[in-house]
Amino acid sequence: MRLRVLVFLGLTLCWPTCGFSFTADKRDTLRGLREMSVLVEYLPDDVEREGLNREHLQRDIEVRLRQAGLHVLTISEVATSPGAPYLYVAVYPITSPSMNLNAYAIALTLKQLVQLSRNPATELFATTWEGPMQMNSPNDLRVPDLRARILEAVGRFIIDYRDVNSK
């Protein structure tokens, strides 16, 4: 348990997005969202060797989003979609040879093209929704646990999406 706390604190200090807590007002950025694409970042080599395939994971996420009523954009549709929203999935290795630690952190964020209010001509992609950071235990089976935790985070996104779009 102490090791988990140390790892989480280390991530909080070294990885800024991990330290921010999710607030309900960010859910409002999901209001009116009807379509998005999905980007699963390249997985660590050892995770892919153990059987978690990036393309299969992306398809699984897309299926869940479609079941939730969202249109999943194709590559050609992204350019014409307002805000070009995409759900970004990343798996980060956490290793420490001195503590014999080999774990993974999972991040799920929604990124959208936004404009600066002080200068509307300036557009950039920004994280508008962020799921809770997921970490697996060094003792967990990596591939099944990682896949389950990623899909759990997608489920959290769908809950938040439905909460603001069902009213």
N, C-alpha and C. Protein backbone atom coordinates (compact mmCIF):
# COMPACT_ATOMS: atom_id res chain seq x y z
N MET A 1 0.82 -1.19 0.00
CA MET A 1 0.00 0.00 0.00
C MET A 1 0.86 1.25 0.00
N ARG A 2 1.90 1.23 0.82
CA ARG A 2 2.80 2.40 0.89
C ARG A 2 3.44 2.67 -0.46
N LEU A 3 3.78 1.59 -1.18
CA LEU A 3 4.39 1.72 -2.49
C LEU A 3 3.43 2.41 -3.46
N ARG A 4 2.16 2.05 -3.43
CA ARG A 4 1.17 2.68 -4.31
C ARG A 4 1.07 4.17 -4.03
N VAL A 5 1.07 4.53 -2.76
CA VAL A 5 0.99 5.94 -2.39
C VAL A 5 2.21 6.69 -2.92
N LEU A 6 3.39 6.11 -2.76
CA LEU A 6 4.61 6.75 -3.24
C LEU A 6 4.59 6.91 -4.76
N VAL A 7 4.16 5.89 -5.47
CA VAL A 7 4.09 5.97 -6.92
C VAL A 7 3.09 7.03 -7.34
N PHE A 8 1.92 7.06 -6.71
CA PHE A 8 0.91 8.05 -7.06
C PHE A 8 1.41 9.46 -6.78
N LEU A 9 2.05 9.67 -5.64
CA LEU A 9 2.60 10.99 -5.34
C LEU A 9 3.68 11.38 -6.35
N GLY A 10 4.50 10.44 -6.75
CA GLY A 10 5.51 10.71 -7.76
C GLY A 10 4.89 11.12 -9.08
N LEU A 11 3.84 10.43 -9.48
CA LEU A 11 3.14 10.80 -10.71
C LEU A 11 2.51 12.18 -10.60
N THR A 12 1.95 12.48 -9.45
CA THR A 12 1.30 13.77 -9.25
C THR A 12 2.31 14.90 -9.41
N LEU A 13 3.50 14.72 -8.91
CA LEU A 13 4.50 15.77 -9.00
C LEU A 13 5.15 15.84 -10.38
N CYS A 14 5.32 14.70 -11.03
CA CYS A 14 6.04 14.67 -12.30
C CYS A 14 5.13 14.78 -13.52
N TRP A 15 3.89 14.47 -13.37
CA TRP A 15 2.98 14.47 -14.51
C TRP A 15 1.80 15.35 -14.18
N PRO A 16 1.78 16.59 -14.65
CA PRO A 16 0.81 17.60 -14.21
C PRO A 16 -0.64 17.20 -14.34
N THR A 17 -1.05 16.52 -15.41
CA THR A 17 -2.46 16.22 -15.57
C THR A 17 -2.97 15.25 -14.51
N CYS A 18 -2.07 14.47 -13.94
CA CYS A 18 -2.47 13.52 -12.91
C CYS A 18 -2.88 14.24 -11.63
N GLY A 19 -2.29 15.38 -11.36
CA GLY A 19 -2.53 16.09 -10.12
C GLY A 19 -3.84 16.85 -10.10
N PHE A 20 -4.45 17.08 -11.25
CA PHE A 20 -5.69 17.83 -11.28
C PHE A 20 -6.85 16.92 -10.95
N SER A 21 -7.73 17.37 -10.10
CA SER A 21 -8.89 16.54 -9.79
C SER A 21 -9.99 16.83 -10.80
N PHE A 22 -10.78 15.84 -11.07
CA PHE A 22 -11.88 15.99 -12.00
C PHE A 22 -13.02 16.73 -11.31
N THR A 23 -13.51 17.75 -11.94
CA THR A 23 -14.62 18.50 -11.37
C THR A 23 -15.84 18.38 -12.28
N ALA A 24 -17.01 18.47 -11.69
CA ALA A 24 -18.25 18.27 -12.43
C ALA A 24 -18.41 19.27 -13.56
N ASP A 25 -17.87 20.47 -13.43
CA ASP A 25 -18.06 21.45 -14.49
C ASP A 25 -17.39 21.06 -15.80
N LYS A 26 -16.38 20.22 -15.76
CA LYS A 26 -15.76 19.76 -17.00
C LYS A 26 -16.72 18.85 -17.78
N ARG A 27 -17.65 18.26 -17.09
CA ARG A 27 -18.63 17.43 -17.79
C ARG A 27 -19.45 18.27 -18.76
N ASP A 28 -19.61 19.55 -18.46
CA ASP A 28 -20.38 20.42 -19.35
C ASP A 28 -19.75 20.52 -20.73
N THR A 29 -18.46 20.26 -20.84
CA THR A 29 -17.82 20.31 -22.16
C THR A 29 -18.28 19.14 -23.04
N LEU A 30 -19.00 18.19 -22.45
CA LEU A 30 -19.54 17.07 -23.21
C LEU A 30 -20.94 17.35 -23.73
N ARG A 31 -21.54 18.44 -23.26
CA ARG A 31 -22.91 18.78 -23.66
C ARG A 31 -22.96 19.05 -25.17
N GLY A 32 -23.89 18.41 -25.84
CA GLY A 32 -24.07 18.60 -27.27
C GLY A 32 -23.08 17.81 -28.13
N LEU A 33 -22.18 17.10 -27.51
CA LEU A 33 -21.22 16.28 -28.24
C LEU A 33 -21.98 15.12 -28.88
N ARG A 34 -21.81 14.94 -30.15
CA ARG A 34 -22.51 13.86 -30.86
C ARG A 34 -21.56 12.93 -31.60
N GLU A 35 -20.32 13.39 -31.78
CA GLU A 35 -19.37 12.60 -32.57
C GLU A 35 -17.96 12.87 -32.10
N MET A 36 -17.09 11.89 -32.32
CA MET A 36 -15.68 12.02 -31.96
C MET A 36 -14.90 10.90 -32.62
N SER A 37 -13.61 11.06 -32.63
CA SER A 37 -12.75 9.97 -33.06
C SER A 37 -12.04 9.41 -31.83
N VAL A 38 -11.32 8.35 -32.03
CA VAL A 38 -10.60 7.70 -30.93
C VAL A 38 -9.15 7.56 -31.34
N LEU A 39 -8.26 7.92 -30.44
CA LEU A 39 -6.83 7.75 -30.67
C LEU A 39 -6.23 6.99 -29.50
N VAL A 40 -5.81 5.76 -29.78
CA VAL A 40 -5.12 4.97 -28.77
C VAL A 40 -3.63 5.11 -29.07
N GLU A 41 -2.93 5.69 -28.12
CA GLU A 41 -1.49 5.90 -28.27
C GLU A 41 -0.81 4.53 -28.37
N TYR A 42 0.35 4.51 -29.01
CA TYR A 42 1.10 3.26 -29.11
C TYR A 42 1.33 2.70 -27.72
N LEU A 43 1.10 1.41 -27.58
CA LEU A 43 1.25 0.75 -26.28
C LEU A 43 2.71 0.36 -26.06
N PRO A 44 3.13 0.28 -24.81
CA PRO A 44 4.49 -0.20 -24.54
C PRO A 44 4.69 -1.59 -25.17
N ASP A 45 5.90 -1.82 -25.67
CA ASP A 45 6.19 -3.06 -26.39
C ASP A 45 5.86 -4.31 -25.58
N ASP A 46 6.20 -4.31 -24.29
CA ASP A 46 5.96 -5.51 -23.49
C ASP A 46 4.46 -5.78 -23.32
N VAL A 47 3.66 -4.74 -23.30
CA VAL A 47 2.21 -4.90 -23.19
C VAL A 47 1.66 -5.52 -24.48
N GLU A 48 2.12 -5.04 -25.62
CA GLU A 48 1.69 -5.62 -26.90
C GLU A 48 2.15 -7.07 -27.03
N ARG A 49 3.37 -7.35 -26.57
CA ARG A 49 3.87 -8.73 -26.63
C ARG A 49 3.01 -9.67 -25.79
N GLU A 50 2.45 -9.14 -24.71
CA GLU A 50 1.61 -9.96 -23.84
C GLU A 50 0.18 -10.07 -24.35
N GLY A 51 -0.15 -9.39 -25.46
CA GLY A 51 -1.44 -9.62 -26.08
C GLY A 51 -2.43 -8.47 -26.12
N LEU A 52 -2.10 -7.31 -25.60
CA LEU A 52 -3.02 -6.18 -25.69
C LEU A 52 -2.71 -5.45 -26.99
N ASN A 53 -3.56 -5.64 -27.98
CA ASN A 53 -3.36 -5.11 -29.31
C ASN A 53 -4.02 -3.74 -29.43
N ARG A 54 -3.28 -2.77 -29.91
CA ARG A 54 -3.76 -1.39 -30.01
C ARG A 54 -5.00 -1.27 -30.91
N GLU A 55 -4.98 -1.92 -32.06
CA GLU A 55 -6.11 -1.83 -32.99
C GLU A 55 -7.36 -2.48 -32.40
N HIS A 56 -7.20 -3.63 -31.75
CA HIS A 56 -8.36 -4.29 -31.13
C HIS A 56 -8.93 -3.43 -30.01
N LEU A 57 -8.04 -2.84 -29.22
CA LEU A 57 -8.49 -1.98 -28.13
C LEU A 57 -9.25 -0.78 -28.68
N GLN A 58 -8.75 -0.19 -29.75
CA GLN A 58 -9.43 0.95 -30.36
C GLN A 58 -10.82 0.55 -30.85
N ARG A 59 -10.91 -0.60 -31.49
CA ARG A 59 -12.22 -1.08 -31.97
C ARG A 59 -13.19 -1.31 -30.80
N ASP A 60 -12.70 -1.89 -29.70
CA ASP A 60 -13.54 -2.12 -28.53
C ASP A 60 -14.08 -0.80 -27.97
N ILE A 61 -13.23 0.20 -27.91
CA ILE A 61 -13.65 1.52 -27.41
C ILE A 61 -14.67 2.13 -28.36
N GLU A 62 -14.42 2.05 -29.65
CA GLU A 62 -15.35 2.60 -30.63
C GLU A 62 -16.72 1.95 -30.54
N VAL A 63 -16.74 0.63 -30.34
CA VAL A 63 -18.02 -0.09 -30.20
C VAL A 63 -18.79 0.45 -28.99
N ARG A 64 -18.10 0.63 -27.87
CA ARG A 64 -18.76 1.15 -26.66
C ARG A 64 -19.31 2.55 -26.88
N LEU A 65 -18.56 3.38 -27.58
CA LEU A 65 -19.03 4.74 -27.85
C LEU A 65 -20.26 4.72 -28.76
N ARG A 66 -20.24 3.85 -29.76
CA ARG A 66 -21.41 3.74 -30.64
C ARG A 66 -22.63 3.24 -29.86
N GLN A 67 -22.42 2.28 -28.98
CA GLN A 67 -23.53 1.78 -28.16
C GLN A 67 -24.10 2.87 -27.26
N ALA A 68 -23.27 3.86 -26.91
CA ALA A 68 -23.71 4.98 -26.07
C ALA A 68 -24.40 6.06 -26.90
N GLY A 69 -24.45 5.88 -28.22
CA GLY A 69 -25.14 6.84 -29.08
C GLY A 69 -24.25 7.86 -29.75
N LEU A 70 -22.95 7.70 -29.63
CA LEU A 70 -22.02 8.63 -30.28
C LEU A 70 -21.63 8.12 -31.65
N HIS A 71 -21.47 9.03 -32.58
CA HIS A 71 -20.97 8.67 -33.91
C HIS A 71 -19.45 8.71 -33.83
N VAL A 72 -18.79 7.64 -34.21
CA VAL A 72 -17.33 7.58 -34.22
C VAL A 72 -16.87 8.00 -35.61
N LEU A 73 -16.10 9.07 -35.63
CA LEU A 73 -15.66 9.67 -36.88
C LEU A 73 -14.58 8.84 -37.57
N THR A 74 -14.66 8.81 -38.89
CA THR A 74 -13.58 8.22 -39.68
C THR A 74 -12.51 9.30 -39.87
N ILE A 75 -11.38 8.91 -40.38
CA ILE A 75 -10.29 9.86 -40.61
C ILE A 75 -10.75 11.00 -41.52
N SER A 76 -11.50 10.69 -42.56
CA SER A 76 -11.94 11.73 -43.49
C SER A 76 -13.00 12.65 -42.87
N GLU A 77 -13.75 12.17 -41.89
CA GLU A 77 -14.78 12.99 -41.26
C GLU A 77 -14.23 13.94 -40.20
N VAL A 78 -13.08 13.61 -39.63
CA VAL A 78 -12.52 14.41 -38.54
C VAL A 78 -12.34 15.87 -38.95
N ALA A 79 -11.84 16.12 -40.15
CA ALA A 79 -11.54 17.48 -40.60
C ALA A 79 -12.79 18.36 -40.69
N THR A 80 -13.94 17.75 -40.90
CA THR A 80 -15.16 18.55 -41.04
C THR A 80 -16.01 18.59 -39.77
N SER A 81 -15.55 17.94 -38.73
CA SER A 81 -16.30 17.89 -37.47
C SER A 81 -15.98 19.14 -36.63
N PRO A 82 -17.01 19.84 -36.14
CA PRO A 82 -16.75 21.01 -35.30
C PRO A 82 -15.96 20.63 -34.04
N GLY A 83 -14.81 21.26 -33.87
CA GLY A 83 -13.97 20.99 -32.71
C GLY A 83 -13.11 19.76 -32.84
N ALA A 84 -13.32 18.95 -33.87
CA ALA A 84 -12.54 17.73 -34.11
C ALA A 84 -12.25 16.97 -32.81
N PRO A 85 -13.29 16.65 -32.00
CA PRO A 85 -13.04 15.99 -30.72
C PRO A 85 -12.52 14.57 -30.88
N TYR A 86 -11.61 14.21 -29.97
CA TYR A 86 -11.13 12.83 -29.97
C TYR A 86 -10.85 12.36 -28.55
N LEU A 87 -11.16 11.11 -28.33
CA LEU A 87 -10.89 10.46 -27.05
C LEU A 87 -9.49 9.88 -27.15
N TYR A 88 -8.63 10.29 -26.24
CA TYR A 88 -7.22 9.93 -26.27
C TYR A 88 -6.94 8.95 -25.14
N VAL A 89 -6.34 7.81 -25.49
CA VAL A 89 -6.02 6.77 -24.52
C VAL A 89 -4.51 6.55 -24.53
N ALA A 90 -3.91 6.58 -23.35
CA ALA A 90 -2.47 6.36 -23.25
C ALA A 90 -2.16 5.45 -22.06
N VAL A 91 -1.19 4.58 -22.26
CA VAL A 91 -0.71 3.69 -21.20
C VAL A 91 0.76 4.03 -20.96
N TYR A 92 1.06 4.41 -19.72
CA TYR A 92 2.42 4.82 -19.37
C TYR A 92 3.06 3.81 -18.43
N PRO A 93 4.25 3.33 -18.78
CA PRO A 93 4.93 2.42 -17.86
C PRO A 93 5.48 3.17 -16.66
N ILE A 94 5.40 2.53 -15.52
CA ILE A 94 5.99 3.06 -14.29
C ILE A 94 6.97 1.98 -13.82
N THR A 95 8.23 2.27 -13.93
CA THR A 95 9.23 1.28 -13.55
C THR A 95 10.20 1.86 -12.55
N SER A 96 10.66 1.01 -11.69
CA SER A 96 11.69 1.37 -10.71
C SER A 96 12.50 0.13 -10.40
N PRO A 97 13.65 -0.01 -11.04
CA PRO A 97 14.48 -1.19 -10.79
C PRO A 97 14.89 -1.32 -9.32
N SER A 98 15.11 -0.20 -8.65
CA SER A 98 15.55 -0.27 -7.26
C SER A 98 14.46 -0.83 -6.34
N MET A 99 13.19 -0.65 -6.73
CA MET A 99 12.09 -1.18 -5.91
C MET A 99 11.43 -2.39 -6.55
N ASN A 100 12.00 -2.89 -7.66
CA ASN A 100 11.45 -4.02 -8.39
C ASN A 100 9.98 -3.77 -8.73
N LEU A 101 9.72 -2.60 -9.28
CA LEU A 101 8.37 -2.18 -9.61
C LEU A 101 8.20 -2.15 -11.12
N ASN A 102 7.11 -2.71 -11.60
CA ASN A 102 6.77 -2.66 -13.01
C ASN A 102 5.25 -2.57 -13.10
N ALA A 103 4.74 -1.36 -13.19
CA ALA A 103 3.29 -1.13 -13.24
C ALA A 103 2.98 -0.18 -14.39
N TYR A 104 1.69 0.10 -14.57
CA TYR A 104 1.26 0.97 -15.65
C TYR A 104 0.20 1.93 -15.17
N ALA A 105 0.25 3.15 -15.72
CA ALA A 105 -0.78 4.15 -15.48
C ALA A 105 -1.55 4.32 -16.78
N ILE A 106 -2.85 4.53 -16.65
CA ILE A 106 -3.72 4.68 -17.81
C ILE A 106 -4.38 6.04 -17.75
N ALA A 107 -4.32 6.77 -18.86
CA ALA A 107 -4.94 8.08 -18.93
C ALA A 107 -5.96 8.08 -20.07
N LEU A 108 -7.13 8.65 -19.79
CA LEU A 108 -8.17 8.80 -20.79
C LEU A 108 -8.63 10.25 -20.76
N THR A 109 -8.49 10.94 -21.88
CA THR A 109 -8.87 12.34 -21.95
C THR A 109 -9.64 12.60 -23.24
N LEU A 110 -10.50 13.62 -23.19
CA LEU A 110 -11.16 14.09 -24.40
C LEU A 110 -10.47 15.38 -24.78
N LYS A 111 -10.03 15.44 -26.00
CA LYS A 111 -9.37 16.64 -26.51
C LYS A 111 -10.23 17.24 -27.61
N GLN A 112 -10.32 18.57 -27.59
CA GLN A 112 -11.11 19.28 -28.59
C GLN A 112 -10.37 20.54 -29.01
N LEU A 113 -10.65 20.96 -30.22
CA LEU A 113 -10.11 22.21 -30.72
C LEU A 113 -10.88 23.35 -30.06
N VAL A 114 -10.15 24.24 -29.38
CA VAL A 114 -10.78 25.35 -28.66
C VAL A 114 -10.13 26.66 -29.10
N GLN A 115 -10.82 27.77 -28.81
CA GLN A 115 -10.31 29.10 -29.12
C GLN A 115 -10.04 29.85 -27.83
N LEU A 116 -8.99 30.65 -27.84
CA LEU A 116 -8.72 31.51 -26.70
C LEU A 116 -9.74 32.63 -26.69
N SER A 117 -10.35 32.90 -25.54
CA SER A 117 -11.36 33.95 -25.48
C SER A 117 -10.75 35.33 -25.73
N ARG A 118 -9.51 35.53 -25.33
CA ARG A 118 -8.89 36.83 -25.54
C ARG A 118 -8.40 37.03 -26.96
N ASN A 119 -8.28 35.92 -27.71
CA ASN A 119 -7.82 35.98 -29.09
C ASN A 119 -8.44 34.83 -29.87
N PRO A 120 -9.69 34.99 -30.33
CA PRO A 120 -10.40 33.89 -30.99
C PRO A 120 -9.71 33.34 -32.23
N ALA A 121 -8.77 34.07 -32.79
CA ALA A 121 -8.05 33.56 -33.96
C ALA A 121 -7.07 32.45 -33.56
N THR A 122 -6.77 32.35 -32.27
CA THR A 122 -5.86 31.32 -31.79
C THR A 122 -6.65 30.08 -31.40
N GLU A 123 -6.43 29.02 -32.13
CA GLU A 123 -7.08 27.74 -31.86
C GLU A 123 -6.03 26.70 -31.52
N LEU A 124 -6.37 25.82 -30.59
CA LEU A 124 -5.46 24.74 -30.22
C LEU A 124 -6.26 23.61 -29.61
N PHE A 125 -5.67 22.44 -29.60
CA PHE A 125 -6.32 21.30 -28.95
C PHE A 125 -6.06 21.38 -27.46
N ALA A 126 -7.11 21.15 -26.70
CA ALA A 126 -7.00 21.18 -25.25
C ALA A 126 -7.78 20.03 -24.66
N THR A 127 -7.36 19.59 -23.50
CA THR A 127 -8.10 18.56 -22.77
C THR A 127 -9.31 19.22 -22.15
N THR A 128 -10.49 18.75 -22.53
CA THR A 128 -11.72 19.33 -21.99
C THR A 128 -12.43 18.38 -21.02
N TRP A 129 -12.02 17.14 -21.00
CA TRP A 129 -12.54 16.16 -20.03
C TRP A 129 -11.41 15.22 -19.71
N GLU A 130 -11.31 14.84 -18.47
CA GLU A 130 -10.25 13.93 -18.05
C GLU A 130 -10.83 12.93 -17.07
N GLY A 131 -10.64 11.68 -17.37
CA GLY A 131 -11.10 10.64 -16.46
C GLY A 131 -10.13 10.47 -15.30
N PRO A 132 -10.56 9.78 -14.28
CA PRO A 132 -9.65 9.54 -13.15
C PRO A 132 -8.48 8.68 -13.59
N MET A 133 -7.32 8.99 -13.07
CA MET A 133 -6.11 8.22 -13.38
C MET A 133 -6.30 6.78 -12.90
N GLN A 134 -5.97 5.85 -13.74
CA GLN A 134 -6.06 4.44 -13.40
C GLN A 134 -4.65 3.88 -13.30
N MET A 135 -4.40 3.08 -12.29
CA MET A 135 -3.11 2.41 -12.16
C MET A 135 -3.34 0.94 -11.85
N ASN A 136 -2.48 0.10 -12.41
CA ASN A 136 -2.58 -1.30 -12.04
C ASN A 136 -1.54 -1.60 -10.98
N SER A 137 -1.81 -2.60 -10.20
CA SER A 137 -0.88 -3.04 -9.17
C SER A 137 0.22 -3.86 -9.81
N PRO A 138 1.43 -3.77 -9.29
CA PRO A 138 2.51 -4.60 -9.86
C PRO A 138 2.20 -6.10 -9.79
N ASN A 139 1.29 -6.51 -8.92
CA ASN A 139 0.96 -7.92 -8.78
C ASN A 139 -0.17 -8.37 -9.71
N ASP A 140 -0.89 -7.42 -10.31
CA ASP A 140 -1.99 -7.77 -11.19
C ASP A 140 -1.47 -8.37 -12.50
N LEU A 141 -2.30 -9.20 -13.11
CA LEU A 141 -1.99 -9.65 -14.46
C LEU A 141 -2.12 -8.43 -15.36
N ARG A 142 -1.10 -8.13 -16.09
CA ARG A 142 -1.07 -6.85 -16.79
C ARG A 142 -2.10 -6.70 -17.89
N VAL A 143 -2.10 -7.58 -18.87
CA VAL A 143 -2.95 -7.36 -20.03
C VAL A 143 -4.44 -7.39 -19.68
N PRO A 144 -4.95 -8.41 -19.01
CA PRO A 144 -6.39 -8.38 -18.69
C PRO A 144 -6.75 -7.20 -17.79
N ASP A 145 -5.89 -6.89 -16.84
CA ASP A 145 -6.16 -5.78 -15.93
C ASP A 145 -6.11 -4.45 -16.65
N LEU A 146 -5.13 -4.24 -17.51
CA LEU A 146 -5.03 -2.99 -18.26
C LEU A 146 -6.24 -2.79 -19.15
N ARG A 147 -6.61 -3.82 -19.87
CA ARG A 147 -7.77 -3.73 -20.77
C ARG A 147 -9.03 -3.40 -19.98
N ALA A 148 -9.23 -4.08 -18.86
CA ALA A 148 -10.41 -3.83 -18.03
C ALA A 148 -10.42 -2.41 -17.49
N ARG A 149 -9.28 -1.92 -17.07
CA ARG A 149 -9.20 -0.56 -16.52
C ARG A 149 -9.43 0.50 -17.60
N ILE A 150 -8.93 0.25 -18.79
CA ILE A 150 -9.18 1.20 -19.89
C ILE A 150 -10.66 1.25 -20.21
N LEU A 151 -11.29 0.08 -20.31
CA LEU A 151 -12.73 0.05 -20.62
C LEU A 151 -13.55 0.61 -19.46
N GLU A 152 -13.08 0.46 -18.24
CA GLU A 152 -13.73 1.07 -17.09
C GLU A 152 -13.69 2.60 -17.20
N ALA A 153 -12.55 3.14 -17.63
CA ALA A 153 -12.42 4.59 -17.82
C ALA A 153 -13.35 5.06 -18.94
N VAL A 154 -13.46 4.28 -20.02
CA VAL A 154 -14.39 4.62 -21.10
C VAL A 154 -15.82 4.61 -20.56
N GLY A 155 -16.13 3.65 -19.70
CA GLY A 155 -17.45 3.61 -19.07
C GLY A 155 -17.72 4.86 -18.25
N ARG A 156 -16.71 5.37 -17.56
CA ARG A 156 -16.85 6.62 -16.78
C ARG A 156 -17.15 7.79 -17.71
N PHE A 157 -16.45 7.82 -18.86
CA PHE A 157 -16.70 8.86 -19.85
C PHE A 157 -18.15 8.79 -20.33
N ILE A 158 -18.62 7.60 -20.62
CA ILE A 158 -19.99 7.42 -21.12
C ILE A 158 -21.00 7.86 -20.07
N ILE A 159 -20.76 7.56 -18.81
CA ILE A 159 -21.66 8.00 -17.73
C ILE A 159 -21.73 9.53 -17.70
N ASP A 160 -20.57 10.17 -17.75
CA ASP A 160 -20.55 11.64 -17.73
C ASP A 160 -21.22 12.21 -18.97
N TYR A 161 -20.98 11.60 -20.12
CA TYR A 161 -21.60 12.04 -21.37
C TYR A 161 -23.13 11.95 -21.26
N ARG A 162 -23.62 10.82 -20.78
CA ARG A 162 -25.07 10.64 -20.66
C ARG A 162 -25.67 11.59 -19.62
N ASP A 163 -24.95 11.83 -18.52
CA ASP A 163 -25.46 12.73 -17.50
C ASP A 163 -25.76 14.12 -18.04
N VAL A 164 -24.89 14.66 -18.87
CA VAL A 164 -25.11 16.02 -19.36
C VAL A 164 -25.94 16.07 -20.63
N ASN A 165 -26.12 14.96 -21.30
CA ASN A 165 -26.87 14.96 -22.55
C ASN A 165 -28.26 14.33 -22.43
N SER A 166 -28.63 13.90 -21.25
CA SER A 166 -29.96 13.29 -21.09
C SER A 166 -30.98 14.28 -20.56
N LYS A 167 -30.54 15.47 -20.25
CA LYS A 167 -31.44 16.47 -19.66
C LYS A 167 -32.07 17.35 -20.69
